[in-house]
PDB file of N, CA and C in Angstrom:
ATOM      1  N   UNK A   1     -12.610  10.163 -15.785  1.00  0.00           N
ATOM      2  CA  UNK A   1     -11.519   9.959 -16.729  1.00  0.00           C
ATOM      3  C   UNK A   1     -12.045   9.275 -17.982  1.00  0.00           C
ATOM      4  N   UNK A   2     -11.573   9.722 -19.111  1.00  0.00           N
ATOM      5  CA  UNK A   2     -11.956   9.125 -20.381  1.00  0.00           C
ATOM      6  C   UNK A   2     -11.185   7.824 -20.567  1.00  0.00           C
ATOM      7  N   UNK A   3     -11.897   6.727 -20.480  1.00  0.00           N
ATOM      8  CA  UNK A   3     -11.254   5.416 -20.595  1.00  0.00           C
ATOM      9  C   UNK A   3     -10.611   5.194 -21.956  1.00  0.00           C
ATOM     10  N   UNK A   4     -11.089   5.891 -22.989  1.00  0.00           N
ATOM     11  CA  UNK A   4     -10.485   5.734 -24.315  1.00  0.00           C
ATOM     12  C   UNK A   4      -9.023   6.157 -24.324  1.00  0.00           C
ATOM     13  N   UNK A   5      -8.671   7.089 -23.449  1.00  0.00           N
ATOM     14  CA  UNK A   5      -7.289   7.556 -23.391  1.00  0.00           C
ATOM     15  C   UNK A   5      -6.348   6.498 -22.838  1.00  0.00           C
ATOM     16  N   UNK A   6      -6.908   5.454 -22.222  1.00  0.00           N
ATOM     17  CA  UNK A   6      -6.068   4.373 -21.701  1.00  0.00           C
ATOM     18  C   UNK A   6      -5.682   3.372 -22.791  1.00  0.00           C
ATOM     19  N   UNK A   7      -6.357   3.457 -23.948  1.00  0.00           N
ATOM     20  CA  UNK A   7      -6.045   2.541 -25.052  1.00  0.00           C
ATOM     21  C   UNK A   7      -4.738   2.946 -25.718  1.00  0.00           C
ATOM     22  N   UNK A   8      -3.965   1.939 -26.114  1.00  0.00           N
ATOM     23  CA  UNK A   8      -2.761   2.214 -26.893  1.00  0.00           C
ATOM     24  C   UNK A   8      -3.194   2.680 -28.284  1.00  0.00           C
ATOM     25  N   UNK A   9      -2.283   3.289 -29.044  1.00  0.00           N
ATOM     26  CA  UNK A   9      -2.658   3.703 -30.406  1.00  0.00           C
ATOM     27  C   UNK A   9      -3.201   2.548 -31.252  1.00  0.00           C
ATOM     28  N   UNK A  10      -2.594   1.366 -31.149  1.00  0.00           N
ATOM     29  CA  UNK A  10      -3.064   0.216 -31.930  1.00  0.00           C
ATOM     30  C   UNK A  10      -4.422  -0.270 -31.423  1.00  0.00           C
ATOM     31  N   UNK A  11      -4.606  -0.293 -30.116  1.00  0.00           N
ATOM     32  CA  UNK A  11      -5.899  -0.689 -29.564  1.00  0.00           C
ATOM     33  C   UNK A  11      -6.986   0.277 -30.030  1.00  0.00           C
ATOM     34  N   UNK A  12      -6.654   1.555 -30.108  1.00  0.00           N
ATOM     35  CA  UNK A  12      -7.631   2.538 -30.568  1.00  0.00           C
ATOM     36  C   UNK A  12      -7.986   2.300 -32.044  1.00  0.00           C
ATOM     37  N   UNK A  13      -7.006   1.913 -32.850  1.00  0.00           N
ATOM     38  CA  UNK A  13      -7.295   1.589 -34.250  1.00  0.00           C
ATOM     39  C   UNK A  13      -8.253   0.402 -34.327  1.00  0.00           C
ATOM     40  N   UNK A  14      -7.987  -0.628 -33.538  1.00  0.00           N
ATOM     41  CA  UNK A  14      -8.858  -1.811 -33.503  1.00  0.00           C
ATOM     42  C   UNK A  14     -10.254  -1.405 -33.027  1.00  0.00           C
ATOM     43  N   UNK A  15     -10.307  -0.593 -31.989  1.00  0.00           N
ATOM     44  CA  UNK A  15     -11.579  -0.093 -31.445  1.00  0.00           C
ATOM     45  C   UNK A  15     -12.408   0.581 -32.543  1.00  0.00           C
ATOM     46  N   UNK A  16     -11.796   1.474 -33.302  1.00  0.00           N
ATOM     47  CA  UNK A  16     -12.530   2.195 -34.350  1.00  0.00           C
ATOM     48  C   UNK A  16     -13.045   1.245 -35.424  1.00  0.00           C
ATOM     49  N   UNK A  17     -12.241   0.266 -35.808  1.00  0.00           N
ATOM     50  CA  UNK A  17     -12.677  -0.669 -36.841  1.00  0.00           C
ATOM     51  C   UNK A  17     -13.808  -1.563 -36.336  1.00  0.00           C
ATOM     52  N   UNK A  18     -13.730  -1.978 -35.081  1.00  0.00           N
ATOM     53  CA  UNK A  18     -14.827  -2.761 -34.501  1.00  0.00           C
ATOM     54  C   UNK A  18     -16.102  -1.923 -34.464  1.00  0.00           C
ATOM     55  N   UNK A  19     -15.969  -0.654 -34.107  1.00  0.00           N
ATOM     56  CA  UNK A  19     -17.132   0.247 -34.094  1.00  0.00           C
ATOM     57  C   UNK A  19     -17.765   0.374 -35.472  1.00  0.00           C
ATOM     58  N   UNK A  20     -16.953   0.190 -36.497  1.00  0.00           N
ATOM     59  CA  UNK A  20     -17.455   0.246 -37.866  1.00  0.00           C
ATOM     60  C   UNK A  20     -17.962  -1.102 -38.348  1.00  0.00           C
ATOM     61  N   UNK A  21     -18.021  -2.094 -37.438  1.00  0.00           N
ATOM     62  CA  UNK A  21     -18.618  -3.384 -37.768  1.00  0.00           C
ATOM     63  C   UNK A  21     -17.673  -4.392 -38.381  1.00  0.00           C
ATOM     64  N   UNK A  22     -16.388  -4.126 -38.366  1.00  0.00           N
ATOM     65  CA  UNK A  22     -15.433  -5.046 -38.966  1.00  0.00           C
ATOM     66  C   UNK A  22     -15.250  -6.284 -38.101  1.00  0.00           C
ATOM     67  N   UNK A  23     -15.249  -7.444 -38.715  1.00  0.00           N
ATOM     68  CA  UNK A  23     -14.938  -8.698 -38.034  1.00  0.00           C
ATOM     69  C   UNK A  23     -13.430  -8.760 -37.783  1.00  0.00           C
ATOM     70  N   UNK A  24     -13.033  -9.661 -36.901  1.00  0.00           N
ATOM     71  CA  UNK A  24     -11.614  -9.774 -36.537  1.00  0.00           C
ATOM     72  C   UNK A  24     -10.719  -9.996 -37.752  1.00  0.00           C
ATOM     73  N   UNK A  25     -11.162 -10.834 -38.683  1.00  0.00           N
ATOM     74  CA  UNK A  25     -10.328 -11.102 -39.867  1.00  0.00           C
ATOM     75  C   UNK A  25     -10.184  -9.856 -40.733  1.00  0.00           C
ATOM     76  N   UNK A  26     -11.220  -9.048 -40.817  1.00  0.00           N
ATOM     77  CA  UNK A  26     -11.145  -7.807 -41.605  1.00  0.00           C
ATOM     78  C   UNK A  26     -10.261  -6.773 -40.905  1.00  0.00           C
ATOM     79  N   UNK A  27     -10.354  -6.692 -39.577  1.00  0.00           N
ATOM     80  CA  UNK A  27      -9.492  -5.789 -38.818  1.00  0.00           C
ATOM     81  C   UNK A  27      -8.038  -6.183 -39.041  1.00  0.00           C
ATOM     82  N   UNK A  28      -7.771  -7.484 -38.969  1.00  0.00           N
ATOM     83  CA  UNK A  28      -6.410  -7.982 -39.190  1.00  0.00           C
ATOM     84  C   UNK A  28      -5.911  -7.586 -40.575  1.00  0.00           C
ATOM     85  N   UNK A  29      -6.754  -7.749 -41.572  1.00  0.00           N
ATOM     86  CA  UNK A  29      -6.378  -7.393 -42.944  1.00  0.00           C
ATOM     87  C   UNK A  29      -6.091  -5.899 -43.057  1.00  0.00           C
ATOM     88  N   UNK A  30      -6.987  -5.079 -42.523  1.00  0.00           N
ATOM     89  CA  UNK A  30      -6.843  -3.624 -42.624  1.00  0.00           C
ATOM     90  C   UNK A  30      -5.580  -3.111 -41.923  1.00  0.00           C
ATOM     91  N   UNK A  31      -5.213  -3.737 -40.808  1.00  0.00           N
ATOM     92  CA  UNK A  31      -4.068  -3.272 -40.026  1.00  0.00           C
ATOM     93  C   UNK A  31      -2.798  -4.086 -40.300  1.00  0.00           C
ATOM     94  N   UNK A  32      -2.926  -5.077 -41.187  1.00  0.00           N
ATOM     95  CA  UNK A  32      -1.789  -5.931 -41.558  1.00  0.00           C
ATOM     96  C   UNK A  32      -1.183  -6.619 -40.326  1.00  0.00           C
ATOM     97  N   UNK A  33      -2.079  -7.200 -39.514  1.00  0.00           N
ATOM     98  CA  UNK A  33      -1.663  -7.957 -38.340  1.00  0.00           C
ATOM     99  C   UNK A  33      -2.411  -9.285 -38.344  1.00  0.00           C
ATOM    100  N   UNK A  34      -2.030 -10.188 -37.446  1.00  0.00           N
ATOM    101  CA  UNK A  34      -2.675 -11.496 -37.369  1.00  0.00           C
ATOM    102  C   UNK A  34      -3.989 -11.411 -36.595  1.00  0.00           C
ATOM    103  N   UNK A  35      -4.895 -12.321 -36.908  1.00  0.00           N
ATOM    104  CA  UNK A  35      -6.194 -12.364 -36.242  1.00  0.00           C
ATOM    105  C   UNK A  35      -6.010 -12.576 -34.737  1.00  0.00           C
ATOM    106  N   UNK A  36      -5.043 -13.414 -34.353  1.00  0.00           N
ATOM    107  CA  UNK A  36      -4.826 -13.636 -32.914  1.00  0.00           C
ATOM    108  C   UNK A  36      -4.376 -12.342 -32.230  1.00  0.00           C
ATOM    109  N   UNK A  37      -3.680 -11.487 -32.944  1.00  0.00           N
ATOM    110  CA  UNK A  37      -3.268 -10.193 -32.398  1.00  0.00           C
ATOM    111  C   UNK A  37      -4.490  -9.291 -32.230  1.00  0.00           C
ATOM    112  N   UNK A  38      -5.383  -9.328 -33.199  1.00  0.00           N
ATOM    113  CA  UNK A  38      -6.634  -8.551 -33.098  1.00  0.00           C
ATOM    114  C   UNK A  38      -7.413  -9.005 -31.876  1.00  0.00           C
ATOM    115  N   UNK A  39      -7.500 -10.303 -31.680  1.00  0.00           N
ATOM    116  CA  UNK A  39      -8.244 -10.834 -30.529  1.00  0.00           C
ATOM    117  C   UNK A  39      -7.594 -10.412 -29.211  1.00  0.00           C
ATOM    118  N   UNK A  40      -6.268 -10.398 -29.172  1.00  0.00           N
ATOM    119  CA  UNK A  40      -5.564  -9.955 -27.960  1.00  0.00           C
ATOM    120  C   UNK A  40      -5.853  -8.478 -27.694  1.00  0.00           C
ATOM    121  N   UNK A  41      -5.811  -7.657 -28.741  1.00  0.00           N
ATOM    122  CA  UNK A  41      -6.135  -6.235 -28.582  1.00  0.00           C
ATOM    123  C   UNK A  41      -7.586  -6.060 -28.133  1.00  0.00           C
ATOM    124  N   UNK A  42      -8.474  -6.853 -28.697  1.00  0.00           N
ATOM    125  CA  UNK A  42      -9.889  -6.762 -28.358  1.00  0.00           C
ATOM    126  C   UNK A  42     -10.114  -7.096 -26.884  1.00  0.00           C
ATOM    127  N   UNK A  43      -9.462  -8.134 -26.391  1.00  0.00           N
ATOM    128  CA  UNK A  43      -9.577  -8.486 -24.969  1.00  0.00           C
ATOM    129  C   UNK A  43      -9.059  -7.351 -24.086  1.00  0.00           C
ATOM    130  N   UNK A  44      -7.978  -6.733 -24.508  1.00  0.00           N
ATOM    131  CA  UNK A  44      -7.414  -5.630 -23.734  1.00  0.00           C
ATOM    132  C   UNK A  44      -8.370  -4.424 -23.748  1.00  0.00           C
ATOM    133  N   UNK A  45      -9.009  -4.182 -24.882  1.00  0.00           N
ATOM    134  CA  UNK A  45     -10.012  -3.112 -24.979  1.00  0.00           C
ATOM    135  C   UNK A  45     -11.159  -3.402 -24.008  1.00  0.00           C
ATOM    136  N   UNK A  46     -11.638  -4.658 -24.012  1.00  0.00           N
ATOM    137  CA  UNK A  46     -12.698  -5.042 -23.078  1.00  0.00           C
ATOM    138  C   UNK A  46     -12.283  -4.717 -21.651  1.00  0.00           C
ATOM    139  N   UNK A  47     -11.083  -5.128 -21.270  1.00  0.00           N
ATOM    140  CA  UNK A  47     -10.603  -4.909 -19.903  1.00  0.00           C
ATOM    141  C   UNK A  47     -10.518  -3.429 -19.565  1.00  0.00           C
ATOM    142  N   UNK A  48      -9.946  -2.644 -20.459  1.00  0.00           N
ATOM    143  CA  UNK A  48      -9.733  -1.229 -20.190  1.00  0.00           C
ATOM    144  C   UNK A  48     -11.037  -0.437 -20.145  1.00  0.00           C
ATOM    145  N   UNK A  49     -12.005  -0.828 -20.967  1.00  0.00           N
ATOM    146  CA  UNK A  49     -13.273  -0.101 -21.015  1.00  0.00           C
ATOM    147  C   UNK A  49     -14.324  -0.685 -20.067  1.00  0.00           C
ATOM    148  N   UNK A  50     -14.023  -1.837 -19.476  1.00  0.00           N
ATOM    149  CA  UNK A  50     -14.965  -2.464 -18.558  1.00  0.00           C
ATOM    150  C   UNK A  50     -16.186  -3.029 -19.252  1.00  0.00           C
ATOM    151  N   UNK A  51     -15.981  -3.586 -20.430  1.00  0.00           N
ATOM    152  CA  UNK A  51     -17.078  -4.172 -21.194  1.00  0.00           C
ATOM    153  C   UNK A  51     -16.757  -5.631 -21.507  1.00  0.00           C
ATOM    154  N   UNK A  52     -17.734  -6.336 -22.105  1.00  0.00           N
ATOM    155  CA  UNK A  52     -17.582  -7.781 -22.243  1.00  0.00           C
ATOM    156  C   UNK A  52     -17.752  -8.337 -23.650  1.00  0.00           C
ATOM    157  N   UNK A  53     -18.178  -7.505 -24.603  1.00  0.00           N
ATOM    158  CA  UNK A  53     -18.328  -8.025 -25.966  1.00  0.00           C
ATOM    159  C   UNK A  53     -18.248  -6.895 -26.994  1.00  0.00           C
ATOM    160  N   UNK A  54     -18.195  -7.294 -28.258  1.00  0.00           N
ATOM    161  CA  UNK A  54     -18.028  -6.333 -29.352  1.00  0.00           C
ATOM    162  C   UNK A  54     -19.218  -5.389 -29.478  1.00  0.00           C
ATOM    163  N   UNK A  55     -20.409  -5.857 -29.189  1.00  0.00           N
ATOM    164  CA  UNK A  55     -21.590  -4.993 -29.249  1.00  0.00           C
ATOM    165  C   UNK A  55     -21.466  -3.858 -28.247  1.00  0.00           C
ATOM    166  N   UNK A  56     -20.954  -4.173 -27.066  1.00  0.00           N
ATOM    167  CA  UNK A  56     -20.783  -3.151 -26.047  1.00  0.00           C
ATOM    168  C   UNK A  56     -19.731  -2.122 -26.453  1.00  0.00           C
ATOM    169  N   UNK A  57     -18.777  -2.511 -27.299  1.00  0.00           N
ATOM    170  CA  UNK A  57     -17.803  -1.538 -27.816  1.00  0.00           C
ATOM    171  C   UNK A  57     -18.533  -0.478 -28.631  1.00  0.00           C
ATOM    172  N   UNK A  58     -19.431  -0.918 -29.494  1.00  0.00           N
ATOM    173  CA  UNK A  58     -20.183   0.025 -30.327  1.00  0.00           C
ATOM    174  C   UNK A  58     -21.086   0.918 -29.475  1.00  0.00           C
ATOM    175  N   UNK A  59     -21.720   0.325 -28.475  1.00  0.00           N
ATOM    176  CA  UNK A  59     -22.583   1.109 -27.579  1.00  0.00           C
ATOM    177  C   UNK A  59     -21.747   2.126 -26.813  1.00  0.00           C
ATOM    178  N   UNK A  60     -20.589   1.715 -26.344  1.00  0.00           N
ATOM    179  CA  UNK A  60     -19.688   2.617 -25.621  1.00  0.00           C
ATOM    180  C   UNK A  60     -19.308   3.794 -26.525  1.00  0.00           C
ATOM    181  N   UNK A  61     -18.944   3.502 -27.774  1.00  0.00           N
ATOM    182  CA  UNK A  61     -18.555   4.558 -28.711  1.00  0.00           C
ATOM    183  C   UNK A  61     -19.707   5.529 -28.944  1.00  0.00           C
ATOM    184  N   UNK A  62     -20.904   5.004 -29.113  1.00  0.00           N
ATOM    185  CA  UNK A  62     -22.082   5.845 -29.328  1.00  0.00           C
ATOM    186  C   UNK A  62     -22.314   6.764 -28.128  1.00  0.00           C
ATOM    187  N   UNK A  63     -22.229   6.208 -26.931  1.00  0.00           N
ATOM    188  CA  UNK A  63     -22.451   7.010 -25.724  1.00  0.00           C
ATOM    189  C   UNK A  63     -21.378   8.090 -25.579  1.00  0.00           C
ATOM    190  N   UNK A  64     -20.137   7.746 -25.886  1.00  0.00           N
ATOM    191  CA  UNK A  64     -19.056   8.732 -25.808  1.00  0.00           C
ATOM    192  C   UNK A  64     -19.302   9.871 -26.795  1.00  0.00           C
ATOM    193  N   UNK A  65     -19.745   9.522 -27.983  1.00  0.00           N
ATOM    194  CA  UNK A  65     -20.013  10.517 -29.020  1.00  0.00           C
ATOM    195  C   UNK A  65     -21.130  11.460 -28.576  1.00  0.00           C
ATOM    196  N   UNK A  66     -22.217  10.907 -28.057  1.00  0.00           N
ATOM    197  CA  UNK A  66     -23.342  11.717 -27.575  1.00  0.00           C
ATOM    198  C   UNK A  66     -22.885  12.609 -26.425  1.00  0.00           C
ATOM    199  N   UNK A  67     -22.081  12.075 -25.522  1.00  0.00           N
ATOM    200  CA  UNK A  67     -21.576  12.852 -24.385  1.00  0.00           C
ATOM    201  C   UNK A  67     -20.729  14.029 -24.871  1.00  0.00           C
ATOM    202  N   UNK A  68     -19.895  13.800 -25.875  1.00  0.00           N
ATOM    203  CA  UNK A  68     -19.064  14.878 -26.416  1.00  0.00           C
ATOM    204  C   UNK A  68     -19.923  15.966 -27.043  1.00  0.00           C
ATOM    205  N   UNK A  69     -20.986  15.584 -27.727  1.00  0.00           N
ATOM    206  CA  UNK A  69     -21.896  16.574 -28.315  1.00  0.00           C
ATOM    207  C   UNK A  69     -22.558  17.379 -27.193  1.00  0.00           C
ATOM    208  N   UNK A  70     -23.070  16.679 -26.180  1.00  0.00           N
ATOM    209  CA  UNK A  70     -23.752  17.345 -25.064  1.00  0.00           C
ATOM    210  C   UNK A  70     -22.819  18.284 -24.299  1.00  0.00           C
ATOM    211  N   UNK A  71     -21.553  17.923 -24.193  1.00  0.00           N
ATOM    212  CA  UNK A  71     -20.570  18.741 -23.474  1.00  0.00           C
ATOM    213  C   UNK A  71     -20.006  19.880 -24.325  1.00  0.00           C
ATOM    214  N   UNK A  72     -20.458  19.964 -25.588  1.00  0.00           N
ATOM    215  CA  UNK A  72     -19.991  21.025 -26.469  1.00  0.00           C
ATOM    216  C   UNK A  72     -18.599  20.803 -27.026  1.00  0.00           C
ATOM    217  N   UNK A  73     -18.108  19.577 -26.944  1.00  0.00           N
ATOM    218  CA  UNK A  73     -16.775  19.269 -27.457  1.00  0.00           C
ATOM    219  C   UNK A  73     -16.768  19.064 -28.966  1.00  0.00           C
ATOM    220  N   UNK A  74     -17.945  18.883 -29.535  1.00  0.00           N
ATOM    221  CA  UNK A  74     -18.080  18.676 -30.979  1.00  0.00           C
ATOM    222  C   UNK A  74     -18.986  19.764 -31.530  1.00  0.00           C
ATOM    223  N   UNK A  75     -18.450  20.585 -32.426  1.00  0.00           N
ATOM    224  CA  UNK A  75     -19.226  21.679 -33.010  1.00  0.00           C
ATOM    225  C   UNK A  75     -20.081  21.234 -34.185  1.00  0.00           C
ATOM    226  N   UNK A  76     -19.564  20.297 -34.972  1.00  0.00           N
ATOM    227  CA  UNK A  76     -20.281  19.822 -36.158  1.00  0.00           C
ATOM    228  C   UNK A  76     -20.443  18.307 -36.047  1.00  0.00           C
ATOM    229  N   UNK A  77     -21.539  17.841 -35.423  1.00  0.00           N
ATOM    230  CA  UNK A  77     -21.731  16.410 -35.202  1.00  0.00           C
ATOM    231  C   UNK A  77     -21.737  15.577 -36.486  1.00  0.00           C
ATOM    232  N   UNK A  78     -22.284  16.121 -37.566  1.00  0.00           N
ATOM    233  CA  UNK A  78     -22.335  15.374 -38.820  1.00  0.00           C
ATOM    234  C   UNK A  78     -20.930  15.135 -39.352  1.00  0.00           C
ATOM    235  N   UNK A  79     -20.113  16.172 -39.357  1.00  0.00           N
ATOM    236  CA  UNK A  79     -18.731  16.038 -39.818  1.00  0.00           C
ATOM    237  C   UNK A  79     -17.949  15.091 -38.907  1.00  0.00           C
ATOM    238  N   UNK A  80     -18.120  15.225 -37.604  1.00  0.00           N
ATOM    239  CA  UNK A  80     -17.410  14.374 -36.640  1.00  0.00           C
ATOM    240  C   UNK A  80     -17.811  12.908 -36.819  1.00  0.00           C
ATOM    241  N   UNK A  81     -19.092  12.649 -37.022  1.00  0.00           N
ATOM    242  CA  UNK A  81     -19.563  11.268 -37.236  1.00  0.00           C
ATOM    243  C   UNK A  81     -18.974  10.693 -38.513  1.00  0.00           C
ATOM    244  N   UNK A  82     -18.944  11.495 -39.555  1.00  0.00           N
ATOM    245  CA  UNK A  82     -18.367  11.061 -40.818  1.00  0.00           C
ATOM    246  C   UNK A  82     -16.888  10.708 -40.656  1.00  0.00           C
ATOM    247  N   UNK A  83     -16.160  11.546 -39.951  1.00  0.00           N
ATOM    248  CA  UNK A  83     -14.730  11.299 -39.715  1.00  0.00           C
ATOM    249  C   UNK A  83     -14.524  10.042 -38.884  1.00  0.00           C
ATOM    250  N   UNK A  84     -15.371   9.850 -37.871  1.00  0.00           N
ATOM    251  CA  UNK A  84     -15.258   8.669 -37.030  1.00  0.00           C
ATOM    252  C   UNK A  84     -15.494   7.402 -37.830  1.00  0.00           C
ATOM    253  N   UNK A  85     -16.533   7.434 -38.659  1.00  0.00           N
ATOM    254  CA  UNK A  85     -16.860   6.260 -39.467  1.00  0.00           C
ATOM    255  C   UNK A  85     -15.798   5.978 -40.533  1.00  0.00           C
ATOM    256  N   UNK A  86     -15.126   7.020 -40.983  1.00  0.00           N
ATOM    257  CA  UNK A  86     -14.062   6.834 -41.966  1.00  0.00           C
ATOM    258  C   UNK A  86     -12.742   6.475 -41.293  1.00  0.00           C
ATOM    259  N   UNK A  87     -12.715   6.534 -39.960  1.00  0.00           N
ATOM    260  CA  UNK A  87     -11.522   6.160 -39.223  1.00  0.00           C
ATOM    261  C   UNK A  87     -10.446   7.225 -39.180  1.00  0.00           C
ATOM    262  N   UNK A  88     -10.810   8.480 -39.436  1.00  0.00           N
ATOM    263  CA  UNK A  88      -9.811   9.551 -39.450  1.00  0.00           C
ATOM    264  C   UNK A  88      -9.646  10.226 -38.104  1.00  0.00           C
ATOM    265  N   UNK A  89     -10.486   9.918 -37.158  1.00  0.00           N
ATOM    266  CA  UNK A  89     -10.408  10.622 -35.880  1.00  0.00           C
ATOM    267  C   UNK A  89     -10.146   9.664 -34.748  1.00  0.00           C
TER     268      UNK A  89
END
């Protein structure tokens, strides 16, 4: 099962911004929420994905991306990476 599907829409937004290297205060600014809310979402992401820190979030995202390419789920990896980094996917 894809653990990313267990994330709420807001948790997924936080996940993508963390993957892009945003600190909690920047995530809060971008999503117009409080930093304590970002931290709560981050803890929930950790629990749902079975990881323990922000670095592991980025590693998890990288592994998922590589797995999707290997499984043929992504036809244009360059375009998909660009969209992911821009937060559109």
